């Protein structure tokens, strides 16, 4: 499916715990960014663009959201990926962000 676009971005900052052991344990503020996608049928989905793994916090980001949205709208995504996005699977969006960033790095 083509035509998926980013219509909004934002963040939900909150104080959180980082690390899992005494050596690396700390508290801090995590931005918890998200993107709102709109599909060609008019439906929308809000997906986080961060994840926590064993106390480590990772954000997937793009420098130019307008360019990313244009790139995303031109991608022919499989039905499985579209379904995952509509079901708020943030890992599918994070993967697409990584693909986009990789394309940018290769073109430099």
C-alpha atoms as a PDB file:
ATOM      1  CA  UNK A   1       0.000   0.000   0.000  1.00  0.00           C
ATOM      2  CA  UNK A   2       1.233   3.456  -0.888  1.00  0.00           C
ATOM      3  CA  UNK A   3       0.025   6.757   0.517  1.00  0.00           C
ATOM      4  CA  UNK A   4       0.726   6.429   4.240  1.00  0.00           C
ATOM      5  CA  UNK A   5       1.874   9.761   5.651  1.00  0.00           C
ATOM      6  CA  UNK A   6       2.992  11.330   8.916  1.00  0.00           C
ATOM      7  CA  UNK A   7       0.454  13.930  10.048  1.00  0.00           C
ATOM      8  CA  UNK A   8       1.777  14.726  13.520  1.00  0.00           C
ATOM      9  CA  UNK A   9       4.672  14.125  15.888  1.00  0.00           C
ATOM     10  CA  UNK A  10       5.032  14.700  19.586  1.00  0.00           C
ATOM     11  CA  UNK A  11       6.422  13.441  22.846  1.00  0.00           C
ATOM     12  CA  UNK A  12       5.224  12.362  26.263  1.00  0.00           C
ATOM     13  CA  UNK A  13       8.150  13.149  28.585  1.00  0.00           C
ATOM     14  CA  UNK A  14       8.263  11.308  31.888  1.00  0.00           C
ATOM     15  CA  UNK A  15      10.748  10.558  34.618  1.00  0.00           C
ATOM     16  CA  UNK A  16      11.871   6.968  34.300  1.00  0.00           C
ATOM     17  CA  UNK A  17      14.392   4.449  35.536  1.00  0.00           C
ATOM     18  CA  UNK A  18      17.377   3.563  33.351  1.00  0.00           C
ATOM     19  CA  UNK A  19      19.619   0.557  33.806  1.00  0.00           C
ATOM     20  CA  UNK A  20      19.042  -2.708  35.628  1.00  0.00           C
ATOM     21  CA  UNK A  21      21.965  -2.972  38.058  1.00  0.00           C
ATOM     22  CA  UNK A  22      23.581  -0.859  40.768  1.00  0.00           C
ATOM     23  CA  UNK A  23      26.421   0.113  38.448  1.00  0.00           C
ATOM     24  CA  UNK A  24      24.291   1.671  35.703  1.00  0.00           C
ATOM     25  CA  UNK A  25      21.021   2.369  37.521  1.00  0.00           C
ATOM     26  CA  UNK A  26      19.791   5.980  37.292  1.00  0.00           C
ATOM     27  CA  UNK A  27      16.694   8.131  36.920  1.00  0.00           C
ATOM     28  CA  UNK A  28      16.141  10.646  34.150  1.00  0.00           C
ATOM     29  CA  UNK A  29      13.604  12.132  31.780  1.00  0.00           C
ATOM     30  CA  UNK A  30      12.707  10.134  28.685  1.00  0.00           C
ATOM     31  CA  UNK A  31      11.080  12.048  25.823  1.00  0.00           C
ATOM     32  CA  UNK A  32       8.939   9.101  24.640  1.00  0.00           C
ATOM     33  CA  UNK A  33       8.389  10.444  21.097  1.00  0.00           C
ATOM     34  CA  UNK A  34       5.581   9.298  18.826  1.00  0.00           C
ATOM     35  CA  UNK A  35       4.285   9.765  15.267  1.00  0.00           C
ATOM     36  CA  UNK A  36       0.706   9.859  14.051  1.00  0.00           C
ATOM     37  CA  UNK A  37       0.235   8.135  10.686  1.00  0.00           C
ATOM     38  CA  UNK A  38      -2.695   8.548   8.339  1.00  0.00           C
ATOM     39  CA  UNK A  39      -3.612   5.789   5.903  1.00  0.00           C
ATOM     40  CA  UNK A  40      -5.203   6.279   2.473  1.00  0.00           C
ATOM     41  CA  UNK A  41      -8.571   5.094   3.852  1.00  0.00           C
ATOM     42  CA  UNK A  42      -8.521   7.973   6.378  1.00  0.00           C
ATOM     43  CA  UNK A  43      -7.765   5.900   9.459  1.00  0.00           C
ATOM     44  CA  UNK A  44      -5.038   7.060  11.812  1.00  0.00           C
ATOM     45  CA  UNK A  45      -2.632   5.345  14.194  1.00  0.00           C
ATOM     46  CA  UNK A  46      -0.393   6.781  16.890  1.00  0.00           C
ATOM     47  CA  UNK A  47       2.842   4.844  17.241  1.00  0.00           C
ATOM     48  CA  UNK A  48       5.703   5.272  19.674  1.00  0.00           C
ATOM     49  CA  UNK A  49       9.141   5.732  18.139  1.00  0.00           C
ATOM     50  CA  UNK A  50      11.074   4.552  21.200  1.00  0.00           C
ATOM     51  CA  UNK A  51      11.514   1.380  23.181  1.00  0.00           C
ATOM     52  CA  UNK A  52      13.032   0.199  26.429  1.00  0.00           C
ATOM     53  CA  UNK A  53      15.128  -2.946  26.450  1.00  0.00           C
ATOM     54  CA  UNK A  54      16.650  -4.262  29.678  1.00  0.00           C
ATOM     55  CA  UNK A  55      16.617  -0.765  31.150  1.00  0.00           C
ATOM     56  CA  UNK A  56      18.193   0.865  28.077  1.00  0.00           C
ATOM     57  CA  UNK A  57      16.176   3.542  26.277  1.00  0.00           C
ATOM     58  CA  UNK A  58      16.326   3.862  22.474  1.00  0.00           C
ATOM     59  CA  UNK A  59      14.690   6.467  20.215  1.00  0.00           C
ATOM     60  CA  UNK A  60      14.282   6.182  16.459  1.00  0.00           C
ATOM     61  CA  UNK A  61      14.400   9.653  14.959  1.00  0.00           C
ATOM     62  CA  UNK A  62      14.462  11.408  11.608  1.00  0.00           C
ATOM     63  CA  UNK A  63      16.055  14.781  10.946  1.00  0.00           C
ATOM     64  CA  UNK A  64      13.433  15.876   8.419  1.00  0.00           C
ATOM     65  CA  UNK A  65       9.906  14.633   9.160  1.00  0.00           C
ATOM     66  CA  UNK A  66       8.466  16.175   5.977  1.00  0.00           C
ATOM     67  CA  UNK A  67      11.004  14.288   3.841  1.00  0.00           C
ATOM     68  CA  UNK A  68      10.368  11.079   5.799  1.00  0.00           C
ATOM     69  CA  UNK A  69       6.607  11.446   5.285  1.00  0.00           C
ATOM     70  CA  UNK A  70       7.134  11.938   1.529  1.00  0.00           C
ATOM     71  CA  UNK A  71       9.411   8.884   1.403  1.00  0.00           C
ATOM     72  CA  UNK A  72       6.950   6.797   3.435  1.00  0.00           C
ATOM     73  CA  UNK A  73       4.010   7.752   1.197  1.00  0.00           C
ATOM     74  CA  UNK A  74       5.922   6.395  -1.829  1.00  0.00           C
ATOM     75  CA  UNK A  75       6.742   3.021  -0.266  1.00  0.00           C
ATOM     76  CA  UNK A  76       4.780  -0.008  -1.419  1.00  0.00           C
ATOM     77  CA  UNK A  77       4.217  -1.692   1.930  1.00  0.00           C
ATOM     78  CA  UNK A  78       2.990  -5.254   2.252  1.00  0.00           C
ATOM     79  CA  UNK A  79      -0.406  -6.003   3.754  1.00  0.00           C
ATOM     80  CA  UNK A  80       1.350  -7.450   6.822  1.00  0.00           C
ATOM     81  CA  UNK A  81       3.287  -4.224   7.452  1.00  0.00           C
ATOM     82  CA  UNK A  82       0.194  -2.058   6.952  1.00  0.00           C
ATOM     83  CA  UNK A  83      -1.799  -4.250   9.340  1.00  0.00           C
ATOM     84  CA  UNK A  84       1.007  -4.040  11.903  1.00  0.00           C
ATOM     85  CA  UNK A  85       1.084  -0.232  11.625  1.00  0.00           C
ATOM     86  CA  UNK A  86      -2.687   0.001  11.981  1.00  0.00           C
ATOM     87  CA  UNK A  87      -2.446  -2.212  15.081  1.00  0.00           C
ATOM     88  CA  UNK A  88       0.085   0.201  16.637  1.00  0.00           C
ATOM     89  CA  UNK A  89       3.133  -2.044  16.201  1.00  0.00           C
ATOM     90  CA  UNK A  90       5.853   0.490  16.935  1.00  0.00           C
ATOM     91  CA  UNK A  91       8.601  -1.901  15.834  1.00  0.00           C
ATOM     92  CA  UNK A  92       7.292  -1.813  12.263  1.00  0.00           C
ATOM     93  CA  UNK A  93       7.519   1.986  12.238  1.00  0.00           C
ATOM     94  CA  UNK A  94      10.946   1.924  13.883  1.00  0.00           C
ATOM     95  CA  UNK A  95      12.118  -0.472  11.159  1.00  0.00           C
ATOM     96  CA  UNK A  96      10.824   1.910   8.466  1.00  0.00           C
ATOM     97  CA  UNK A  97      12.614   4.829  10.148  1.00  0.00           C
ATOM     98  CA  UNK A  98      15.832   2.783  10.166  1.00  0.00           C
ATOM     99  CA  UNK A  99      15.379   1.959   6.458  1.00  0.00           C
ATOM    100  CA  UNK A 100      14.885   5.651   5.691  1.00  0.00           C
ATOM    101  CA  UNK A 101      17.938   6.699   7.730  1.00  0.00           C
ATOM    102  CA  UNK A 102      20.038   3.988   6.067  1.00  0.00           C
ATOM    103  CA  UNK A 103      18.990   5.279   2.640  1.00  0.00           C
ATOM    104  CA  UNK A 104      20.062   8.783   3.647  1.00  0.00           C
ATOM    105  CA  UNK A 105      23.437   7.592   4.907  1.00  0.00           C
ATOM    106  CA  UNK A 106      24.105   5.703   1.672  1.00  0.00           C
ATOM    107  CA  UNK A 107      23.276   8.751  -0.453  1.00  0.00           C
ATOM    108  CA  UNK A 108      25.821  10.985   1.325  1.00  0.00           C
END
